[in-house]
């Protein structure tokens, strides 16, 4: 006998996955246009008070209390080795979920949620054997623009991810 409720849940999960397929949140850092897969994005928030933490890499701005959850905040400009910029009223924090770990990514501005068909997305060419763009997964052509697709999984090193996983587990135990 088939349990229809399990079947319905599976069908709903498939439908939800289909609605997220080829969907990206686009944002700017300076004049460059970036995109992040919408399936990772939890929410977008405006500038918040970030509590600085000692002895973190400079691209980690600190932590933020988001409705009782402590999340680490990373500045995308600094992570991508760009010039720092004062935060403005257009500065946003993209909160994304990476395997149960919430992270905040500070960007200059968020533009839109966009459907980018798979055929418009291409692999990034390697410039040389010794150089690989770690944070950019692919490049998308949208009209006359190019959007660089960020690889969320590579924003953190293996050690950073392990540390944040432990932090998330401790926080979950405290809840």
N, C-alpha and C. Protein backbone atom coordinates (compact mmCIF):
# COMPACT_ATOMS: atom_id res chain seq x y z
N UNK A 1 0.84 -1.19 0.00
CA UNK A 1 0.00 0.00 0.00
C UNK A 1 0.88 1.24 0.00
N UNK A 2 0.57 2.21 -0.83
CA UNK A 2 1.34 3.44 -0.93
C UNK A 2 0.73 4.49 -0.03
N UNK A 3 1.58 5.10 0.76
CA UNK A 3 1.14 6.20 1.62
C UNK A 3 1.11 7.47 0.77
N UNK A 4 -0.08 7.94 0.43
CA UNK A 4 -0.21 9.10 -0.45
C UNK A 4 0.38 10.37 0.15
N UNK A 5 0.39 10.48 1.47
CA UNK A 5 0.95 11.69 2.07
C UNK A 5 2.45 11.77 1.79
N UNK A 6 3.17 10.64 1.85
CA UNK A 6 4.59 10.64 1.52
C UNK A 6 4.81 10.97 0.05
N UNK A 7 3.95 10.42 -0.79
CA UNK A 7 4.03 10.67 -2.23
C UNK A 7 3.79 12.15 -2.53
N UNK A 8 2.78 12.72 -1.85
CA UNK A 8 2.49 14.15 -2.04
C UNK A 8 3.64 15.02 -1.58
N UNK A 9 4.26 14.65 -0.47
CA UNK A 9 5.41 15.42 0.03
C UNK A 9 6.55 15.37 -0.97
N UNK A 10 6.80 14.19 -1.53
CA UNK A 10 7.86 14.04 -2.53
C UNK A 10 7.55 14.87 -3.77
N UNK A 11 6.29 14.87 -4.20
CA UNK A 11 5.89 15.64 -5.38
C UNK A 11 6.04 17.13 -5.11
N UNK A 12 5.65 17.58 -3.92
CA UNK A 12 5.78 18.99 -3.56
C UNK A 12 7.25 19.40 -3.54
N UNK A 13 8.12 18.53 -3.02
CA UNK A 13 9.56 18.81 -2.99
C UNK A 13 10.10 18.93 -4.40
N UNK A 14 9.68 18.05 -5.30
CA UNK A 14 10.11 18.12 -6.70
C UNK A 14 9.63 19.41 -7.35
N UNK A 15 8.38 19.79 -7.10
CA UNK A 15 7.83 21.02 -7.66
C UNK A 15 8.58 22.24 -7.13
N UNK A 16 8.91 22.23 -5.83
CA UNK A 16 9.65 23.35 -5.24
C UNK A 16 11.03 23.45 -5.88
N UNK A 17 11.69 22.31 -6.09
CA UNK A 17 12.99 22.28 -6.74
C UNK A 17 12.89 22.84 -8.16
N UNK A 18 11.82 22.48 -8.89
CA UNK A 18 11.63 22.98 -10.25
C UNK A 18 11.45 24.50 -10.27
N UNK A 19 10.75 25.05 -9.29
CA UNK A 19 10.54 26.51 -9.27
C UNK A 19 11.83 27.26 -8.96
N UNK A 20 12.79 26.61 -8.33
CA UNK A 20 14.07 27.25 -8.01
C UNK A 20 15.11 27.04 -9.10
N UNK A 21 14.88 26.09 -9.97
CA UNK A 21 15.84 25.77 -11.03
C UNK A 21 16.04 26.99 -11.93
N UNK A 22 17.29 27.28 -12.20
CA UNK A 22 17.68 28.38 -13.09
C UNK A 22 17.32 29.76 -12.52
N UNK A 23 17.05 29.84 -11.22
CA UNK A 23 16.70 31.13 -10.59
C UNK A 23 17.89 31.63 -9.79
N UNK A 24 18.19 32.91 -9.94
CA UNK A 24 19.35 33.52 -9.31
C UNK A 24 18.99 34.88 -8.72
N UNK A 25 19.60 35.19 -7.59
CA UNK A 25 19.53 36.53 -7.03
C UNK A 25 20.75 37.27 -7.53
N UNK A 26 20.54 38.42 -8.15
CA UNK A 26 21.67 39.16 -8.70
C UNK A 26 22.01 40.35 -7.80
N UNK A 27 23.31 40.66 -7.77
CA UNK A 27 23.77 41.77 -6.93
C UNK A 27 25.02 42.39 -7.54
N UNK A 28 25.33 43.58 -7.05
CA UNK A 28 26.50 44.30 -7.52
C UNK A 28 27.56 44.41 -6.44
N UNK A 29 28.81 44.35 -6.89
CA UNK A 29 29.98 44.78 -6.12
C UNK A 29 30.68 45.76 -7.05
N UNK A 30 30.59 47.04 -6.73
CA UNK A 30 31.11 48.03 -7.66
C UNK A 30 30.31 47.97 -8.95
N UNK A 31 31.01 47.86 -10.08
CA UNK A 31 30.33 47.79 -11.37
C UNK A 31 30.11 46.35 -11.84
N UNK A 32 30.66 45.39 -11.09
CA UNK A 32 30.52 44.00 -11.50
C UNK A 32 29.19 43.42 -11.04
N UNK A 33 28.62 42.62 -11.91
CA UNK A 33 27.33 41.99 -11.70
C UNK A 33 27.54 40.53 -11.31
N UNK A 34 26.99 40.12 -10.18
CA UNK A 34 27.13 38.75 -9.69
C UNK A 34 25.76 38.12 -9.52
N UNK A 35 25.76 36.81 -9.36
CA UNK A 35 24.51 36.08 -9.11
C UNK A 35 24.79 34.95 -8.14
N UNK A 36 23.78 34.62 -7.36
CA UNK A 36 23.87 33.51 -6.42
C UNK A 36 22.61 32.68 -6.62
N UNK A 37 22.75 31.36 -6.62
CA UNK A 37 21.59 30.50 -6.82
C UNK A 37 20.56 30.75 -5.72
N UNK A 38 19.33 30.98 -6.14
CA UNK A 38 18.26 31.34 -5.20
C UNK A 38 18.00 30.23 -4.18
N UNK A 39 18.32 29.00 -4.53
CA UNK A 39 18.07 27.90 -3.60
C UNK A 39 18.86 28.02 -2.31
N UNK A 40 19.95 28.79 -2.32
CA UNK A 40 20.74 29.00 -1.11
C UNK A 40 20.23 30.17 -0.27
N UNK A 41 19.54 31.12 -0.90
CA UNK A 41 19.17 32.37 -0.25
C UNK A 41 18.00 32.17 0.70
N UNK A 42 18.18 32.64 1.93
CA UNK A 42 17.13 32.58 2.94
C UNK A 42 16.36 33.89 2.97
N UNK A 43 17.11 34.99 2.98
CA UNK A 43 16.48 36.31 2.98
C UNK A 43 17.51 37.39 2.67
N UNK A 44 17.02 38.58 2.43
CA UNK A 44 17.86 39.75 2.20
C UNK A 44 17.49 40.76 3.27
N UNK A 45 18.49 41.28 3.96
CA UNK A 45 18.23 42.27 4.99
C UNK A 45 19.06 43.52 4.73
N UNK A 46 18.60 44.63 5.24
CA UNK A 46 19.35 45.87 5.12
C UNK A 46 20.53 45.87 6.09
N UNK A 47 21.24 46.97 6.10
CA UNK A 47 22.38 47.10 7.01
C UNK A 47 21.93 46.88 8.44
N UNK A 48 22.76 46.21 9.18
CA UNK A 48 22.48 45.91 10.58
C UNK A 48 23.72 46.24 11.40
N UNK A 49 23.55 46.30 12.72
CA UNK A 49 24.71 46.44 13.59
C UNK A 49 25.41 45.10 13.69
N UNK A 50 26.65 45.08 13.24
CA UNK A 50 27.44 43.86 13.25
C UNK A 50 28.41 43.95 14.42
N UNK A 51 28.42 42.91 15.24
CA UNK A 51 29.34 42.86 16.37
C UNK A 51 30.67 42.31 15.88
N UNK A 52 31.71 43.14 16.00
CA UNK A 52 33.03 42.71 15.56
C UNK A 52 33.57 41.64 16.50
N UNK A 53 34.31 40.73 15.91
CA UNK A 53 34.94 39.65 16.68
C UNK A 53 36.45 39.75 16.48
N UNK A 54 37.22 39.58 17.55
CA UNK A 54 38.68 39.64 17.40
C UNK A 54 39.22 38.41 16.68
N UNK A 55 40.34 38.59 16.04
CA UNK A 55 41.13 37.53 15.43
C UNK A 55 40.44 36.77 14.30
N UNK A 56 39.51 37.43 13.63
CA UNK A 56 38.90 36.84 12.45
C UNK A 56 39.62 37.39 11.22
N UNK A 57 39.61 36.65 10.11
CA UNK A 57 40.15 37.22 8.87
C UNK A 57 39.40 38.51 8.54
N UNK A 58 40.08 39.44 7.86
CA UNK A 58 39.46 40.75 7.62
C UNK A 58 38.15 40.69 6.85
N UNK A 59 37.94 39.67 6.02
CA UNK A 59 36.70 39.58 5.25
C UNK A 59 35.51 39.16 6.10
N UNK A 60 35.75 38.64 7.30
CA UNK A 60 34.65 38.39 8.24
C UNK A 60 34.45 39.67 9.03
N UNK A 61 33.28 40.28 8.88
CA UNK A 61 33.00 41.55 9.56
C UNK A 61 32.60 41.34 11.01
N UNK A 62 32.16 40.12 11.36
CA UNK A 62 31.73 39.84 12.72
C UNK A 62 30.51 38.94 12.71
N UNK A 63 29.66 39.15 13.74
CA UNK A 63 28.45 38.34 13.87
C UNK A 63 27.25 39.25 14.02
N UNK A 64 26.09 38.67 13.75
CA UNK A 64 24.84 39.41 13.78
C UNK A 64 23.80 38.55 14.48
N UNK A 65 23.00 39.19 15.33
CA UNK A 65 21.88 38.49 15.97
C UNK A 65 20.66 38.71 15.09
N UNK A 66 20.26 37.65 14.40
CA UNK A 66 19.11 37.72 13.50
C UNK A 66 17.98 36.90 14.09
N UNK A 67 17.06 37.60 14.75
CA UNK A 67 15.91 36.96 15.41
C UNK A 67 16.35 35.78 16.31
N UNK A 68 17.37 36.04 17.11
CA UNK A 68 17.81 35.04 18.08
C UNK A 68 18.85 34.06 17.56
N UNK A 69 19.16 34.12 16.28
CA UNK A 69 20.21 33.26 15.71
C UNK A 69 21.45 34.10 15.46
N UNK A 70 22.57 33.59 15.90
CA UNK A 70 23.83 34.29 15.67
C UNK A 70 24.40 33.79 14.34
N UNK A 71 24.62 34.72 13.42
CA UNK A 71 25.16 34.33 12.12
C UNK A 71 26.43 35.13 11.82
N UNK A 72 27.43 34.47 11.25
CA UNK A 72 28.65 35.17 10.84
C UNK A 72 28.38 36.00 9.58
N UNK A 73 29.06 37.13 9.49
CA UNK A 73 28.87 38.04 8.37
C UNK A 73 30.20 38.20 7.63
N UNK A 74 30.14 37.96 6.32
CA UNK A 74 31.31 38.09 5.46
C UNK A 74 31.08 39.23 4.48
N UNK A 75 32.09 40.06 4.29
CA UNK A 75 32.02 41.15 3.32
C UNK A 75 32.51 40.61 1.98
N UNK A 76 31.63 40.56 0.97
CA UNK A 76 31.98 40.00 -0.34
C UNK A 76 33.10 40.79 -0.99
N UNK A 77 33.11 42.11 -0.82
CA UNK A 77 34.18 42.92 -1.41
C UNK A 77 35.55 42.47 -0.90
N UNK A 78 35.64 42.30 0.41
CA UNK A 78 36.93 41.92 0.99
C UNK A 78 37.28 40.47 0.64
N UNK A 79 36.30 39.60 0.60
CA UNK A 79 36.54 38.20 0.26
C UNK A 79 37.07 38.08 -1.16
N UNK A 80 36.56 38.92 -2.06
CA UNK A 80 36.98 38.89 -3.45
C UNK A 80 38.18 39.79 -3.72
N UNK A 81 38.81 40.27 -2.63
CA UNK A 81 40.00 41.12 -2.70
C UNK A 81 39.77 42.42 -3.49
N UNK A 82 38.63 43.02 -3.25
CA UNK A 82 38.31 44.32 -3.84
C UNK A 82 38.55 45.41 -2.80
N UNK A 83 38.58 46.63 -3.26
CA UNK A 83 38.75 47.77 -2.35
C UNK A 83 37.58 47.85 -1.39
N UNK A 84 37.84 48.10 -0.11
CA UNK A 84 36.72 48.28 0.83
C UNK A 84 35.92 49.52 0.44
N UNK A 85 34.67 49.53 0.83
CA UNK A 85 33.80 50.67 0.52
C UNK A 85 32.91 50.91 1.73
N UNK A 86 32.64 52.18 1.99
CA UNK A 86 31.71 52.52 3.07
C UNK A 86 30.35 51.90 2.77
N UNK A 87 29.69 51.42 3.79
CA UNK A 87 28.34 50.90 3.60
C UNK A 87 27.39 52.07 3.41
N UNK A 88 26.43 51.87 2.51
CA UNK A 88 25.46 52.92 2.21
C UNK A 88 24.05 52.40 2.49
N UNK A 89 23.05 53.22 2.15
CA UNK A 89 21.67 52.77 2.33
C UNK A 89 21.30 51.69 1.32
N UNK A 90 22.12 51.47 0.28
CA UNK A 90 21.89 50.41 -0.71
C UNK A 90 22.57 49.09 -0.32
N UNK A 91 23.49 49.16 0.65
CA UNK A 91 24.20 47.96 1.10
C UNK A 91 23.21 46.97 1.69
N UNK A 92 23.35 45.71 1.31
CA UNK A 92 22.46 44.65 1.79
C UNK A 92 23.27 43.48 2.32
N UNK A 93 22.61 42.67 3.11
CA UNK A 93 23.20 41.41 3.55
C UNK A 93 22.32 40.29 3.00
N UNK A 94 22.94 39.44 2.19
CA UNK A 94 22.24 38.27 1.67
C UNK A 94 22.48 37.16 2.68
N UNK A 95 21.42 36.68 3.29
CA UNK A 95 21.54 35.56 4.24
C UNK A 95 21.32 34.30 3.44
N UNK A 96 22.31 33.40 3.50
CA UNK A 96 22.18 32.15 2.76
C UNK A 96 22.45 30.97 3.66
N UNK A 97 21.92 29.83 3.24
CA UNK A 97 22.01 28.59 4.02
C UNK A 97 22.91 27.62 3.28
N UNK A 98 23.96 27.22 3.95
CA UNK A 98 24.90 26.28 3.37
C UNK A 98 24.92 25.04 4.24
N UNK A 99 24.15 24.04 3.86
CA UNK A 99 24.06 22.78 4.61
C UNK A 99 23.71 23.02 6.08
N UNK A 100 22.73 23.88 6.32
CA UNK A 100 22.26 24.12 7.67
C UNK A 100 23.00 25.23 8.41
N UNK A 101 24.00 25.82 7.78
CA UNK A 101 24.76 26.91 8.39
C UNK A 101 24.29 28.21 7.74
N UNK A 102 23.78 29.13 8.56
CA UNK A 102 23.38 30.44 8.05
C UNK A 102 24.58 31.36 8.02
N UNK A 103 24.75 32.06 6.91
CA UNK A 103 25.83 33.03 6.72
C UNK A 103 25.23 34.30 6.15
N UNK A 104 25.88 35.41 6.42
CA UNK A 104 25.49 36.67 5.81
C UNK A 104 26.59 37.15 4.89
N UNK A 105 26.22 37.62 3.72
CA UNK A 105 27.17 38.12 2.73
C UNK A 105 26.82 39.57 2.43
N UNK A 106 27.72 40.49 2.80
CA UNK A 106 27.49 41.91 2.56
C UNK A 106 27.83 42.23 1.12
N UNK A 107 26.86 42.85 0.41
CA UNK A 107 27.05 43.25 -0.99
C UNK A 107 26.67 44.72 -1.14
N UNK A 108 27.15 45.34 -2.22
CA UNK A 108 26.87 46.76 -2.44
C UNK A 108 25.38 47.02 -2.66
N UNK A 109 24.74 46.18 -3.46
CA UNK A 109 23.30 46.30 -3.68
C UNK A 109 22.78 45.02 -4.32
N UNK A 110 21.51 44.76 -4.07
CA UNK A 110 20.83 43.62 -4.67
C UNK A 110 19.97 44.17 -5.80
N UNK A 111 19.95 43.46 -6.93
CA UNK A 111 19.18 43.99 -8.06
C UNK A 111 17.86 43.27 -8.29
N UNK A 112 17.90 41.96 -8.54
CA UNK A 112 16.65 41.26 -8.86
C UNK A 112 16.83 39.76 -8.75
N UNK A 113 15.70 39.06 -8.79
CA UNK A 113 15.71 37.61 -8.94
C UNK A 113 15.44 37.37 -10.41
N UNK A 114 16.28 36.55 -11.01
CA UNK A 114 16.28 36.40 -12.45
C UNK A 114 16.30 34.93 -12.83
N UNK A 115 15.59 34.57 -13.88
CA UNK A 115 15.70 33.23 -14.44
C UNK A 115 16.76 33.29 -15.53
N UNK A 116 17.79 32.45 -15.37
CA UNK A 116 18.85 32.37 -16.37
C UNK A 116 18.84 30.94 -16.90
N UNK A 117 18.40 30.75 -18.13
CA UNK A 117 18.33 29.40 -18.69
C UNK A 117 19.71 28.73 -18.70
N UNK A 118 19.71 27.43 -18.51
CA UNK A 118 20.94 26.65 -18.45
C UNK A 118 21.84 26.89 -19.66
N UNK A 119 21.23 27.06 -20.84
CA UNK A 119 22.04 27.26 -22.05
C UNK A 119 22.75 28.62 -22.08
N UNK A 120 22.38 29.54 -21.19
CA UNK A 120 23.04 30.84 -21.10
C UNK A 120 24.18 30.85 -20.09
N UNK A 121 24.38 29.72 -19.42
CA UNK A 121 25.41 29.62 -18.39
C UNK A 121 26.56 28.79 -18.94
N UNK A 122 27.77 29.33 -18.82
CA UNK A 122 28.96 28.63 -19.34
C UNK A 122 30.01 28.50 -18.25
N UNK A 123 30.85 27.48 -18.41
CA UNK A 123 31.98 27.28 -17.50
C UNK A 123 32.95 28.44 -17.66
N UNK A 124 33.60 28.76 -16.58
CA UNK A 124 34.61 29.82 -16.60
C UNK A 124 35.91 29.23 -17.14
N UNK A 125 36.47 29.87 -18.14
CA UNK A 125 37.72 29.39 -18.71
C UNK A 125 38.87 29.60 -17.73
N UNK A 126 39.76 28.64 -17.66
CA UNK A 126 40.95 28.75 -16.81
C UNK A 126 41.98 29.57 -17.54
N UNK A 127 42.54 30.55 -16.85
CA UNK A 127 43.55 31.42 -17.45
C UNK A 127 44.88 30.69 -17.54
N UNK A 128 45.22 29.94 -16.49
CA UNK A 128 46.46 29.17 -16.48
C UNK A 128 46.32 28.04 -15.48
N UNK A 129 47.28 27.12 -15.46
CA UNK A 129 47.27 26.00 -14.53
C UNK A 129 47.38 26.48 -13.08
N UNK A 130 48.11 27.57 -12.87
CA UNK A 130 48.35 28.03 -11.50
C UNK A 130 47.27 28.97 -10.99
N UNK A 131 46.35 29.37 -11.86
CA UNK A 131 45.31 30.31 -11.45
C UNK A 131 43.93 29.72 -11.68
N UNK A 132 43.14 29.76 -10.65
CA UNK A 132 41.75 29.31 -10.77
C UNK A 132 40.91 30.27 -9.94
N UNK A 133 39.83 30.78 -10.52
CA UNK A 133 38.97 31.69 -9.77
C UNK A 133 38.13 30.86 -8.81
N UNK A 134 38.51 30.90 -7.56
CA UNK A 134 37.94 30.03 -6.55
C UNK A 134 36.46 30.29 -6.27
N UNK A 135 36.04 31.54 -6.30
CA UNK A 135 34.71 31.90 -5.83
C UNK A 135 33.65 31.94 -6.93
N UNK A 136 34.08 31.97 -8.16
CA UNK A 136 33.13 32.06 -9.28
C UNK A 136 33.00 30.69 -9.92
N UNK A 137 31.76 30.19 -9.97
CA UNK A 137 31.49 28.85 -10.49
C UNK A 137 31.34 28.87 -12.01
N UNK A 138 30.53 29.80 -12.49
CA UNK A 138 30.23 29.88 -13.92
C UNK A 138 29.95 31.34 -14.27
N UNK A 139 29.74 31.58 -15.55
CA UNK A 139 29.40 32.91 -16.04
C UNK A 139 28.10 32.80 -16.82
N UNK A 140 27.21 33.76 -16.62
CA UNK A 140 25.93 33.76 -17.32
C UNK A 140 25.84 34.95 -18.26
N UNK A 141 25.30 34.71 -19.43
CA UNK A 141 25.05 35.77 -20.40
C UNK A 141 23.57 36.12 -20.32
N UNK A 142 23.27 37.36 -19.99
CA UNK A 142 21.88 37.81 -19.94
C UNK A 142 21.77 39.09 -20.75
N UNK A 143 21.21 38.97 -21.93
CA UNK A 143 21.14 40.13 -22.81
C UNK A 143 22.56 40.55 -23.18
N UNK A 144 22.88 41.82 -22.93
CA UNK A 144 24.22 42.31 -23.23
C UNK A 144 25.13 42.27 -22.00
N UNK A 145 24.61 41.74 -20.89
CA UNK A 145 25.38 41.72 -19.64
C UNK A 145 25.94 40.34 -19.35
N UNK A 146 26.97 40.35 -18.51
CA UNK A 146 27.54 39.11 -18.00
C UNK A 146 27.40 39.13 -16.49
N UNK A 147 26.96 38.02 -15.93
CA UNK A 147 26.84 37.88 -14.48
C UNK A 147 27.73 36.73 -14.05
N UNK A 148 28.54 36.98 -13.03
CA UNK A 148 29.41 35.95 -12.50
C UNK A 148 28.65 35.21 -11.40
N UNK A 149 28.55 33.89 -11.54
CA UNK A 149 27.79 33.08 -10.58
C UNK A 149 28.72 32.63 -9.47
N UNK A 150 28.38 33.06 -8.25
CA UNK A 150 29.19 32.76 -7.07
C UNK A 150 28.97 31.32 -6.63
N UNK A 151 30.05 30.65 -6.29
CA UNK A 151 29.99 29.29 -5.76
C UNK A 151 29.97 29.40 -4.23
N UNK A 152 28.77 29.30 -3.65
CA UNK A 152 28.60 29.46 -2.20
C UNK A 152 29.48 28.49 -1.41
N UNK A 153 29.64 27.30 -1.93
CA UNK A 153 30.41 26.28 -1.23
C UNK A 153 31.88 26.63 -1.13
N UNK A 154 32.37 27.51 -1.99
CA UNK A 154 33.78 27.84 -1.97
C UNK A 154 34.07 29.19 -1.32
N UNK A 155 33.03 29.85 -0.83
CA UNK A 155 33.26 31.11 -0.11
C UNK A 155 34.02 30.86 1.19
N UNK A 156 33.86 29.66 1.73
CA UNK A 156 34.53 29.29 2.97
C UNK A 156 35.56 28.20 2.71
N UNK A 157 36.68 28.31 3.40
CA UNK A 157 37.67 27.24 3.32
C UNK A 157 37.14 26.04 4.09
N UNK A 158 37.77 24.91 3.92
CA UNK A 158 37.36 23.69 4.62
C UNK A 158 37.41 23.91 6.14
N UNK A 159 38.47 24.54 6.62
CA UNK A 159 38.61 24.80 8.06
C UNK A 159 37.52 25.75 8.57
N UNK A 160 37.24 26.80 7.79
CA UNK A 160 36.19 27.74 8.20
C UNK A 160 34.84 27.05 8.24
N UNK A 161 34.56 26.22 7.26
CA UNK A 161 33.29 25.50 7.21
C UNK A 161 33.16 24.56 8.40
N UNK A 162 34.23 23.85 8.73
CA UNK A 162 34.20 22.94 9.88
C UNK A 162 33.96 23.72 11.18
N UNK A 163 34.63 24.87 11.33
CA UNK A 163 34.44 25.69 12.52
C UNK A 163 33.02 26.21 12.63
N UNK A 164 32.45 26.64 11.51
CA UNK A 164 31.08 27.15 11.53
C UNK A 164 30.07 26.02 11.75
N UNK A 165 30.39 24.82 11.27
CA UNK A 165 29.51 23.68 11.52
C UNK A 165 29.45 23.39 13.01
N UNK A 166 30.60 23.41 13.66
CA UNK A 166 30.64 23.21 15.12
C UNK A 166 29.86 24.31 15.83
N UNK A 167 30.03 25.55 15.38
CA UNK A 167 29.34 26.70 15.96
C UNK A 167 27.83 26.53 15.81
N UNK A 168 27.38 26.09 14.62
CA UNK A 168 25.95 25.89 14.36
C UNK A 168 25.39 24.78 15.26
N UNK A 169 26.16 23.72 15.46
CA UNK A 169 25.71 22.62 16.32
C UNK A 169 25.57 23.08 17.77
N UNK A 170 26.54 23.86 18.24
CA UNK A 170 26.48 24.38 19.60
C UNK A 170 25.27 25.28 19.75
N UNK A 171 25.04 26.14 18.76
CA UNK A 171 23.90 27.06 18.80
C UNK A 171 22.59 26.29 18.79
N UNK A 172 22.51 25.21 17.98
CA UNK A 172 21.28 24.41 17.92
C UNK A 172 21.02 23.72 19.26
N UNK A 173 22.08 23.27 19.93
CA UNK A 173 21.92 22.65 21.24
C UNK A 173 21.42 23.66 22.26
N UNK A 174 21.82 24.93 22.12
CA UNK A 174 21.40 25.97 23.06
C UNK A 174 19.93 26.35 22.85
N UNK A 175 19.43 26.15 21.63
CA UNK A 175 18.02 26.48 21.35
C UNK A 175 17.16 25.48 22.02
